[in-house]
Amino acid sequence: VGNKDKQKITFGNNKSVQGKVIGTDKWSDIAVIKAKSADDSVKAITTGNSNHLVLGEPIIVVGNPLGVDFKESVSDGIVSGLDRHVPVDIDK
């Protein structure tokens, strides 16, 4: 999302709304965007607290890694480690 304050959000049914960028993290390639929708069928998800993770706990990851190439990506798994640091080169 770069330095934008607002971002267009497109849902799985191809309906779009304007969202407000709450926060971003360049290093982990993530943005938190708040959306309001007049569509009652759109429901917010409940997010967890990473401070309460337990090894072996089931997790679900939802996102669009690398933009539209892998849009609507959903993966499940378990928490296999805590406090791991992954080196990244954000200039590539």
PDB file of N, CA and C in Angstrom:
ATOM      1  N   VAL A   1       0.815  -1.205   0.000  1.00  0.00           N
ATOM      2  CA  VAL A   1       0.000   0.000   0.000  1.00  0.00           C
ATOM      3  C   VAL A   1       0.852   1.259   0.000  1.00  0.00           C
ATOM      4  N   GLY A   2       2.149   1.103   0.213  1.00  0.00           N
ATOM      5  CA  GLY A   2       3.027   2.270   0.184  1.00  0.00           C
ATOM      6  C   GLY A   2       2.698   3.246   1.291  1.00  0.00           C
ATOM      7  N   ASN A   3       2.643   4.527   0.950  1.00  0.00           N
ATOM      8  CA  ASN A   3       2.351   5.577   1.925  1.00  0.00           C
ATOM      9  C   ASN A   3       0.916   6.071   1.835  1.00  0.00           C
ATOM     10  N   LYS A   4       0.019   5.287   1.297  1.00  0.00           N
ATOM     11  CA  LYS A   4      -1.373   5.702   1.130  1.00  0.00           C
ATOM     12  C   LYS A   4      -2.107   5.734   2.466  1.00  0.00           C
ATOM     13  N   ASP A   5      -3.076   6.658   2.581  1.00  0.00           N
ATOM     14  CA  ASP A   5      -3.960   6.705   3.741  1.00  0.00           C
ATOM     15  C   ASP A   5      -5.201   5.856   3.512  1.00  0.00           C
ATOM     16  N   LYS A   6      -5.561   5.686   2.240  1.00  0.00           N
ATOM     17  CA  LYS A   6      -6.752   4.921   1.876  1.00  0.00           C
ATOM     18  C   LYS A   6      -6.370   3.877   0.844  1.00  0.00           C
ATOM     19  N   GLN A   7      -7.132   2.793   0.806  1.00  0.00           N
ATOM     20  CA  GLN A   7      -6.848   1.713  -0.123  1.00  0.00           C
ATOM     21  C   GLN A   7      -8.159   1.067  -0.557  1.00  0.00           C
ATOM     22  N   LYS A   8      -8.293   0.810  -1.834  1.00  0.00           N
ATOM     23  CA  LYS A   8      -9.469   0.109  -2.348  1.00  0.00           C
ATOM     24  C   LYS A   8      -9.392  -1.352  -1.921  1.00  0.00           C
ATOM     25  N   ILE A   9     -10.506  -1.881  -1.427  1.00  0.00           N
ATOM     26  CA  ILE A   9     -10.584  -3.275  -1.006  1.00  0.00           C
ATOM     27  C   ILE A   9     -11.616  -3.963  -1.882  1.00  0.00           C
ATOM     28  N   THR A  10     -11.232  -5.068  -2.493  1.00  0.00           N
ATOM     29  CA  THR A  10     -12.149  -5.838  -3.328  1.00  0.00           C
ATOM     30  C   THR A  10     -12.386  -7.183  -2.663  1.00  0.00           C
ATOM     31  N   PHE A  11     -13.652  -7.499  -2.419  1.00  0.00           N
ATOM     32  CA  PHE A  11     -14.029  -8.749  -1.774  1.00  0.00           C
ATOM     33  C   PHE A  11     -14.122  -9.875  -2.803  1.00  0.00           C
ATOM     34  N   GLY A  12     -14.285 -11.096  -2.327  1.00  0.00           N
ATOM     35  CA  GLY A  12     -14.368 -12.260  -3.197  1.00  0.00           C
ATOM     36  C   GLY A  12     -15.514 -12.213  -4.185  1.00  0.00           C
ATOM     37  N   ASN A  13     -16.565 -11.448  -3.861  1.00  0.00           N
ATOM     38  CA  ASN A  13     -17.710 -11.318  -4.770  1.00  0.00           C
ATOM     39  C   ASN A  13     -17.529 -10.158  -5.748  1.00  0.00           C
ATOM     40  N   ASN A  14     -16.309  -9.621  -5.818  1.00  0.00           N
ATOM     41  CA  ASN A  14     -15.915  -8.504  -6.693  1.00  0.00           C
ATOM     42  C   ASN A  14     -16.519  -7.162  -6.311  1.00  0.00           C
ATOM     43  N   LYS A  15     -17.189  -7.047  -5.166  1.00  0.00           N
ATOM     44  CA  LYS A  15     -17.647  -5.749  -4.672  1.00  0.00           C
ATOM     45  C   LYS A  15     -16.461  -5.049  -4.030  1.00  0.00           C
ATOM     46  N   SER A  16     -16.379  -3.737  -4.221  1.00  0.00           N
ATOM     47  CA  SER A  16     -15.255  -2.958  -3.694  1.00  0.00           C
ATOM     48  C   SER A  16     -15.738  -1.871  -2.752  1.00  0.00           C
ATOM     49  N   VAL A  17     -14.921  -1.569  -1.750  1.00  0.00           N
ATOM     50  CA  VAL A  17     -15.168  -0.458  -0.834  1.00  0.00           C
ATOM     51  C   VAL A  17     -13.847   0.255  -0.602  1.00  0.00           C
ATOM     52  N   GLN A  18     -13.937   1.468  -0.101  1.00  0.00           N
ATOM     53  CA  GLN A  18     -12.743   2.225   0.259  1.00  0.00           C
ATOM     54  C   GLN A  18     -12.361   1.864   1.690  1.00  0.00           C
ATOM     55  N   GLY A  19     -11.098   1.615   1.935  1.00  0.00           N
ATOM     56  CA  GLY A  19     -10.635   1.277   3.272  1.00  0.00           C
ATOM     57  C   GLY A  19      -9.619   2.284   3.770  1.00  0.00           C
ATOM     58  N   LYS A  20      -9.526   2.401   5.091  1.00  0.00           N
ATOM     59  CA  LYS A  20      -8.562   3.299   5.718  1.00  0.00           C
ATOM     60  C   LYS A  20      -7.364   2.472   6.180  1.00  0.00           C
ATOM     61  N   VAL A  21      -6.161   2.891   5.798  1.00  0.00           N
ATOM     62  CA  VAL A  21      -4.944   2.194   6.205  1.00  0.00           C
ATOM     63  C   VAL A  21      -4.668   2.537   7.668  1.00  0.00           C
ATOM     64  N   ILE A  22      -4.706   1.520   8.508  1.00  0.00           N
ATOM     65  CA  ILE A  22      -4.479   1.697   9.942  1.00  0.00           C
ATOM     66  C   ILE A  22      -2.990   1.618  10.264  1.00  0.00           C
ATOM     67  N   GLY A  23      -2.291   0.699   9.611  1.00  0.00           N
ATOM     68  CA  GLY A  23      -0.862   0.543   9.849  1.00  0.00           C
ATOM     69  C   GLY A  23      -0.232  -0.363   8.815  1.00  0.00           C
ATOM     70  N   THR A  24       1.081  -0.227   8.647  1.00  0.00           N
ATOM     71  CA  THR A  24       1.814  -1.069   7.701  1.00  0.00           C
ATOM     72  C   THR A  24       3.142  -1.479   8.319  1.00  0.00           C
ATOM     73  N   ASP A  25       3.697  -2.568   7.803  1.00  0.00           N
ATOM     74  CA  ASP A  25       5.038  -2.985   8.181  1.00  0.00           C
ATOM     75  C   ASP A  25       5.752  -3.459   6.927  1.00  0.00           C
ATOM     76  N   LYS A  26       6.691  -2.667   6.465  1.00  0.00           N
ATOM     77  CA  LYS A  26       7.430  -2.955   5.234  1.00  0.00           C
ATOM     78  C   LYS A  26       8.212  -4.261   5.335  1.00  0.00           C
ATOM     79  N   TRP A  27       8.761  -4.549   6.506  1.00  0.00           N
ATOM     80  CA  TRP A  27       9.616  -5.728   6.682  1.00  0.00           C
ATOM     81  C   TRP A  27       8.840  -7.032   6.593  1.00  0.00           C
ATOM     82  N   SER A  28       7.614  -7.054   7.082  1.00  0.00           N
ATOM     83  CA  SER A  28       6.834  -8.292   7.015  1.00  0.00           C
ATOM     84  C   SER A  28       5.805  -8.261   5.895  1.00  0.00           C
ATOM     85  N   ASP A  29       5.818  -7.197   5.072  1.00  0.00           N
ATOM     86  CA  ASP A  29       4.932  -7.081   3.911  1.00  0.00           C
ATOM     87  C   ASP A  29       3.472  -7.250   4.307  1.00  0.00           C
ATOM     88  N   ILE A  30       3.058  -6.438   5.298  1.00  0.00           N
ATOM     89  CA  ILE A  30       1.687  -6.548   5.779  1.00  0.00           C
ATOM     90  C   ILE A  30       1.104  -5.159   6.000  1.00  0.00           C
ATOM     91  N   ALA A  31      -0.199  -5.056   5.804  1.00  0.00           N
ATOM     92  CA  ALA A  31      -0.921  -3.816   6.079  1.00  0.00           C
ATOM     93  C   ALA A  31      -2.219  -4.170   6.793  1.00  0.00           C
ATOM     94  N   VAL A  32      -2.634  -3.315   7.710  1.00  0.00           N
ATOM     95  CA  VAL A  32      -3.931  -3.456   8.361  1.00  0.00           C
ATOM     96  C   VAL A  32      -4.812  -2.355   7.804  1.00  0.00           C
ATOM     97  N   ILE A  33      -5.926  -2.759   7.203  1.00  0.00           N
ATOM     98  CA  ILE A  33      -6.826  -1.816   6.544  1.00  0.00           C
ATOM     99  C   ILE A  33      -8.226  -2.005   7.105  1.00  0.00           C
ATOM    100  N   LYS A  34      -8.836  -0.916   7.545  1.00  0.00           N
ATOM    101  CA  LYS A  34     -10.189  -0.969   8.094  1.00  0.00           C
ATOM    102  C   LYS A  34     -11.177  -0.633   6.990  1.00  0.00           C
ATOM    103  N   ALA A  35     -12.172  -1.494   6.828  1.00  0.00           N
ATOM    104  CA  ALA A  35     -13.174  -1.296   5.780  1.00  0.00           C
ATOM    105  C   ALA A  35     -14.556  -1.213   6.401  1.00  0.00           C
ATOM    106  N   LYS A  36     -15.388  -0.377   5.826  1.00  0.00           N
ATOM    107  CA  LYS A  36     -16.796  -0.329   6.196  1.00  0.00           C
ATOM    108  C   LYS A  36     -17.590  -0.719   4.971  1.00  0.00           C
ATOM    109  N   SER A  37     -18.584  -1.552   5.176  1.00  0.00           N
ATOM    110  CA  SER A  37     -19.392  -2.004   4.057  1.00  0.00           C
ATOM    111  C   SER A  37     -20.863  -1.894   4.415  1.00  0.00           C
ATOM    112  N   ALA A  38     -21.659  -1.455   3.466  1.00  0.00           N
ATOM    113  CA  ALA A  38     -23.105  -1.401   3.651  1.00  0.00           C
ATOM    114  C   ALA A  38     -23.727  -2.774   3.430  1.00  0.00           C
ATOM    115  N   ASP A  39     -22.929  -3.719   2.962  1.00  0.00           N
ATOM    116  CA  ASP A  39     -23.392  -5.073   2.666  1.00  0.00           C
ATOM    117  C   ASP A  39     -23.389  -5.899   3.953  1.00  0.00           C
ATOM    118  N   ASP A  40     -24.577  -6.283   4.435  1.00  0.00           N
ATOM    119  CA  ASP A  40     -24.684  -7.039   5.682  1.00  0.00           C
ATOM    120  C   ASP A  40     -24.070  -8.434   5.596  1.00  0.00           C
ATOM    121  N   SER A  41     -23.844  -8.933   4.387  1.00  0.00           N
ATOM    122  CA  SER A  41     -23.275 -10.277   4.257  1.00  0.00           C
ATOM    123  C   SER A  41     -21.764 -10.283   4.491  1.00  0.00           C
ATOM    124  N   VAL A  42     -21.143  -9.108   4.530  1.00  0.00           N
ATOM    125  CA  VAL A  42     -19.703  -9.013   4.784  1.00  0.00           C
ATOM    126  C   VAL A  42     -19.490  -8.976   6.292  1.00  0.00           C
ATOM    127  N   LYS A  43     -18.795  -9.981   6.804  1.00  0.00           N
ATOM    128  CA  LYS A  43     -18.558 -10.085   8.243  1.00  0.00           C
ATOM    129  C   LYS A  43     -17.068  -9.950   8.538  1.00  0.00           C
ATOM    130  N   ALA A  44     -16.758  -9.290   9.623  1.00  0.00           N
ATOM    131  CA  ALA A  44     -15.364  -9.136  10.051  1.00  0.00           C
ATOM    132  C   ALA A  44     -14.880 -10.428  10.699  1.00  0.00           C
ATOM    133  N   ILE A  45     -13.586 -10.693  10.565  1.00  0.00           N
ATOM    134  CA  ILE A  45     -13.007 -11.848  11.245  1.00  0.00           C
ATOM    135  C   ILE A  45     -12.489 -11.418  12.608  1.00  0.00           C
ATOM    136  N   THR A  46     -12.372 -12.363  13.495  1.00  0.00           N
ATOM    137  CA  THR A  46     -11.770 -12.116  14.796  1.00  0.00           C
ATOM    138  C   THR A  46     -10.305 -12.517  14.707  1.00  0.00           C
ATOM    139  N   THR A  47      -9.430 -11.606  15.057  1.00  0.00           N
ATOM    140  CA  THR A  47      -8.001 -11.908  14.990  1.00  0.00           C
ATOM    141  C   THR A  47      -7.491 -12.326  16.359  1.00  0.00           C
ATOM    142  N   GLY A  48      -6.416 -13.070  16.348  1.00  0.00           N
ATOM    143  CA  GLY A  48      -5.817 -13.530  17.593  1.00  0.00           C
ATOM    144  C   GLY A  48      -4.753 -12.572  18.089  1.00  0.00           C
ATOM    145  N   ASN A  49      -4.179 -12.905  19.214  1.00  0.00           N
ATOM    146  CA  ASN A  49      -3.114 -12.126  19.825  1.00  0.00           C
ATOM    147  C   ASN A  49      -1.842 -12.970  19.781  1.00  0.00           C
ATOM    148  N   SER A  50      -0.839 -12.518  19.039  1.00  0.00           N
ATOM    149  CA  SER A  50       0.382 -13.309  18.877  1.00  0.00           C
ATOM    150  C   SER A  50       1.145 -13.488  20.189  1.00  0.00           C
ATOM    151  N   ASN A  51       0.845 -12.700  21.194  1.00  0.00           N
ATOM    152  CA  ASN A  51       1.485 -12.883  22.500  1.00  0.00           C
ATOM    153  C   ASN A  51       0.959 -14.114  23.234  1.00  0.00           C
ATOM    154  N   HIS A  52      -0.157 -14.669  22.746  1.00  0.00           N
ATOM    155  CA  HIS A  52      -0.776 -15.816  23.410  1.00  0.00           C
ATOM    156  C   HIS A  52      -0.599 -17.117  22.631  1.00  0.00           C
ATOM    157  N   LEU A  53       0.288 -17.141  21.634  1.00  0.00           N
ATOM    158  CA  LEU A  53       0.494 -18.348  20.836  1.00  0.00           C
ATOM    159  C   LEU A  53       1.093 -19.470  21.673  1.00  0.00           C
ATOM    160  N   VAL A  54       0.702 -20.699  21.330  1.00  0.00           N
ATOM    161  CA  VAL A  54       1.197 -21.886  22.014  1.00  0.00           C
ATOM    162  C   VAL A  54       1.714 -22.855  20.956  1.00  0.00           C
ATOM    163  N   LEU A  55       2.882 -23.448  21.180  1.00  0.00           N
ATOM    164  CA  LEU A  55       3.419 -24.426  20.239  1.00  0.00           C
ATOM    165  C   LEU A  55       2.408 -25.548  20.011  1.00  0.00           C
ATOM    166  N   GLY A  56       2.218 -25.915  18.741  1.00  0.00           N
ATOM    167  CA  GLY A  56       1.280 -26.973  18.379  1.00  0.00           C
ATOM    168  C   GLY A  56      -0.138 -26.494  18.147  1.00  0.00           C
ATOM    169  N   GLU A  57      -0.408 -25.227  18.450  1.00  0.00           N
ATOM    170  CA  GLU A  57      -1.752 -24.677  18.274  1.00  0.00           C
ATOM    171  C   GLU A  57      -2.072 -24.551  16.784  1.00  0.00           C
ATOM    172  N   PRO A  58      -3.310 -24.904  16.365  1.00  0.00           N
ATOM    173  CA  PRO A  58      -3.665 -24.756  14.950  1.00  0.00           C
ATOM    174  C   PRO A  58      -3.802 -23.285  14.562  1.00  0.00           C
ATOM    175  N   ILE A  59      -3.402 -22.965  13.329  1.00  0.00           N
ATOM    176  CA  ILE A  59      -3.514 -21.597  12.824  1.00  0.00           C
ATOM    177  C   ILE A  59      -4.038 -21.612  11.393  1.00  0.00           C
ATOM    178  N   ILE A  60      -4.626 -20.499  10.992  1.00  0.00           N
ATOM    179  CA  ILE A  60      -5.057 -20.279   9.609  1.00  0.00           C
ATOM    180  C   ILE A  60      -4.457 -18.956   9.168  1.00  0.00           C
ATOM    181  N   VAL A  61      -3.860 -18.944   7.985  1.00  0.00           N
ATOM    182  CA  VAL A  61      -3.235 -17.745   7.433  1.00  0.00           C
ATOM    183  C   VAL A  61      -3.993 -17.358   6.172  1.00  0.00           C
ATOM    184  N   VAL A  62      -4.447 -16.107   6.109  1.00  0.00           N
ATOM    185  CA  VAL A  62      -5.211 -15.605   4.969  1.00  0.00           C
ATOM    186  C   VAL A  62      -4.479 -14.407   4.403  1.00  0.00           C
ATOM    187  N   GLY A  63      -4.356 -14.333   3.081  1.00  0.00           N
ATOM    188  CA  GLY A  63      -3.697 -13.164   2.518  1.00  0.00           C
ATOM    189  C   GLY A  63      -3.514 -13.238   1.029  1.00  0.00           C
ATOM    190  N   ASN A  64      -2.763 -12.292   0.524  1.00  0.00           N
ATOM    191  CA  ASN A  64      -2.419 -12.189  -0.889  1.00  0.00           C
ATOM    192  C   ASN A  64      -0.912 -12.042  -1.010  1.00  0.00           C
ATOM    193  N   PRO A  65      -0.143 -13.102  -0.745  1.00  0.00           N
ATOM    194  CA  PRO A  65       1.306 -12.970  -0.838  1.00  0.00           C
ATOM    195  C   PRO A  65       1.740 -12.628  -2.252  1.00  0.00           C
ATOM    196  N   LEU A  66       2.658 -11.709  -2.368  1.00  0.00           N
ATOM    197  CA  LEU A  66       3.182 -11.265  -3.666  1.00  0.00           C
ATOM    198  C   LEU A  66       2.104 -10.651  -4.549  1.00  0.00           C
ATOM    199  N   GLY A  67       1.108 -10.013  -3.932  1.00  0.00           N
ATOM    200  CA  GLY A  67       0.085  -9.320  -4.715  1.00  0.00           C
ATOM    201  C   GLY A  67      -0.920 -10.261  -5.338  1.00  0.00           C
ATOM    202  N   VAL A  68      -1.323  -9.974  -6.564  1.00  0.00           N
ATOM    203  CA  VAL A  68      -2.408 -10.719  -7.200  1.00  0.00           C
ATOM    204  C   VAL A  68      -2.002 -12.096  -7.705  1.00  0.00           C
ATOM    205  N   ASP A  69      -0.706 -12.385  -7.776  1.00  0.00           N
ATOM    206  CA  ASP A  69      -0.271 -13.697  -8.272  1.00  0.00           C
ATOM    207  C   ASP A  69      -0.826 -14.848  -7.440  1.00  0.00           C
ATOM    208  N   PHE A  70      -0.966 -14.634  -6.151  1.00  0.00           N
ATOM    209  CA  PHE A  70      -1.469 -15.680  -5.257  1.00  0.00           C
ATOM    210  C   PHE A  70      -2.681 -15.180  -4.479  1.00  0.00           C
ATOM    211  N   LYS A  71      -3.551 -14.417  -5.143  1.00  0.00           N
ATOM    212  CA  LYS A  71      -4.679 -13.813  -4.433  1.00  0.00           C
ATOM    213  C   LYS A  71      -5.595 -14.876  -3.840  1.00  0.00           C
ATOM    214  N   GLU A  72      -6.245 -14.491  -2.774  1.00  0.00           N
ATOM    215  CA  GLU A  72      -7.177 -15.348  -2.046  1.00  0.00           C
ATOM    216  C   GLU A  72      -6.499 -16.606  -1.518  1.00  0.00           C
ATOM    217  N   SER A  73      -5.285 -16.459  -1.013  1.00  0.00           N
ATOM    218  CA  SER A  73      -4.518 -17.575  -0.484  1.00  0.00           C
ATOM    219  C   SER A  73      -4.930 -17.865   0.960  1.00  0.00           C
ATOM    220  N   VAL A  74      -5.183 -19.133   1.255  1.00  0.00           N
ATOM    221  CA  VAL A  74      -5.512 -19.565   2.609  1.00  0.00           C
ATOM    222  C   VAL A  74      -4.691 -20.815   2.910  1.00  0.00           C
ATOM    223  N   SER A  75      -4.010 -20.808   4.037  1.00  0.00           N
ATOM    224  CA  SER A  75      -3.219 -21.965   4.454  1.00  0.00           C
ATOM    225  C   SER A  75      -3.530 -22.284   5.908  1.00  0.00           C
ATOM    226  N   ASP A  76      -3.418 -23.551   6.262  1.00  0.00           N
ATOM    227  CA  ASP A  76      -3.571 -23.914   7.666  1.00  0.00           C
ATOM    228  C   ASP A  76      -2.349 -24.702   8.108  1.00  0.00           C
ATOM    229  N   GLY A  77      -2.156 -24.738   9.385  1.00  0.00           N
ATOM    230  CA  GLY A  77      -1.006 -25.447   9.929  1.00  0.00           C
ATOM    231  C   GLY A  77      -1.010 -25.362  11.439  1.00  0.00           C
ATOM    232  N   ILE A  78       0.182 -25.485  12.016  1.00  0.00           N
ATOM    233  CA  ILE A  78       0.326 -25.368  13.461  1.00  0.00           C
ATOM    234  C   ILE A  78       1.454 -24.393  13.777  1.00  0.00           C
ATOM    235  N   VAL A  79       1.426 -23.848  14.965  1.00  0.00           N
ATOM    236  CA  VAL A  79       2.524 -23.009  15.435  1.00  0.00           C
ATOM    237  C   VAL A  79       3.690 -23.947  15.732  1.00  0.00           C
ATOM    238  N   SER A  80       4.765 -23.821  14.944  1.00  0.00           N
ATOM    239  CA  SER A  80       5.895 -24.740  15.099  1.00  0.00           C
ATOM    240  C   SER A  80       7.103 -24.089  15.765  1.00  0.00           C
ATOM    241  N   GLY A  81       7.041 -22.793  16.002  1.00  0.00           N
ATOM    242  CA  GLY A  81       8.144 -22.107  16.661  1.00  0.00           C
ATOM    243  C   GLY A  81       7.727 -20.707  17.057  1.00  0.00           C
ATOM    244  N   LEU A  82       8.399 -20.157  18.044  1.00  0.00           N
ATOM    245  CA  LEU A  82       8.108 -18.805  18.524  1.00  0.00           C
ATOM    246  C   LEU A  82       9.385 -17.974  18.488  1.00  0.00           C
ATOM    247  N   ASP A  83       9.224 -16.678  18.328  1.00  0.00           N
ATOM    248  CA  ASP A  83      10.343 -15.725  18.352  1.00  0.00           C
ATOM    249  C   ASP A  83      11.422 -16.045  17.331  1.00  0.00           C
ATOM    250  N   ARG A  84      11.015 -16.491  16.158  1.00  0.00           N
ATOM    251  CA  ARG A  84      11.968 -16.728  15.072  1.00  0.00           C
ATOM    252  C   ARG A  84      12.089 -15.463  14.243  1.00  0.00           C
ATOM    253  N   HIS A  85      13.280 -15.181  13.789  1.00  0.00           N
ATOM    254  CA  HIS A  85      13.518 -14.011  12.958  1.00  0.00           C
ATOM    255  C   HIS A  85      13.995 -14.478  11.592  1.00  0.00           C
ATOM    256  N   VAL A  86      13.327 -13.999  10.552  1.00  0.00           N
ATOM    257  CA  VAL A  86      13.649 -14.397   9.187  1.00  0.00           C
ATOM    258  C   VAL A  86      14.300 -13.209   8.489  1.00  0.00           C
ATOM    259  N   PRO A  87      15.549 -13.353   8.026  1.00  0.00           N
ATOM    260  CA  PRO A  87      16.194 -12.232   7.330  1.00  0.00           C
ATOM    261  C   PRO A  87      15.537 -11.993   5.972  1.00  0.00           C
ATOM    262  N   VAL A  88      15.284 -10.733   5.656  1.00  0.00           N
ATOM    263  CA  VAL A  88      14.696 -10.365   4.366  1.00  0.00           C
ATOM    264  C   VAL A  88      15.465  -9.201   3.777  1.00  0.00           C
ATOM    265  N   ASP A  89      15.438  -9.104   2.460  1.00  0.00           N
ATOM    266  CA  ASP A  89      16.041  -7.973   1.761  1.00  0.00           C
ATOM    267  C   ASP A  89      14.918  -7.241   1.052  1.00  0.00           C
ATOM    268  N   ILE A  90      14.422  -6.162   1.651  1.00  0.00           N
ATOM    269  CA  ILE A  90      13.266  -5.459   1.094  1.00  0.00           C
ATOM    270  C   ILE A  90      13.621  -4.580  -0.090  1.00  0.00           C
ATOM    271  N   ASP A  91      14.895  -4.472  -0.407  1.00  0.00           N
ATOM    272  CA  ASP A  91      15.303  -3.623  -1.523  1.00  0.00           C
ATOM    273  C   ASP A  91      15.305  -4.368  -2.848  1.00  0.00           C
ATOM    274  N   LYS A  92      14.974  -5.651  -2.858  1.00  0.00           N
ATOM    275  CA  LYS A  92      14.949  -6.426  -4.103  1.00  0.00           C
ATOM    276  C   LYS A  92      13.602  -6.358  -4.745  1.00  0.00           C
TER     277      LYS A  92
END
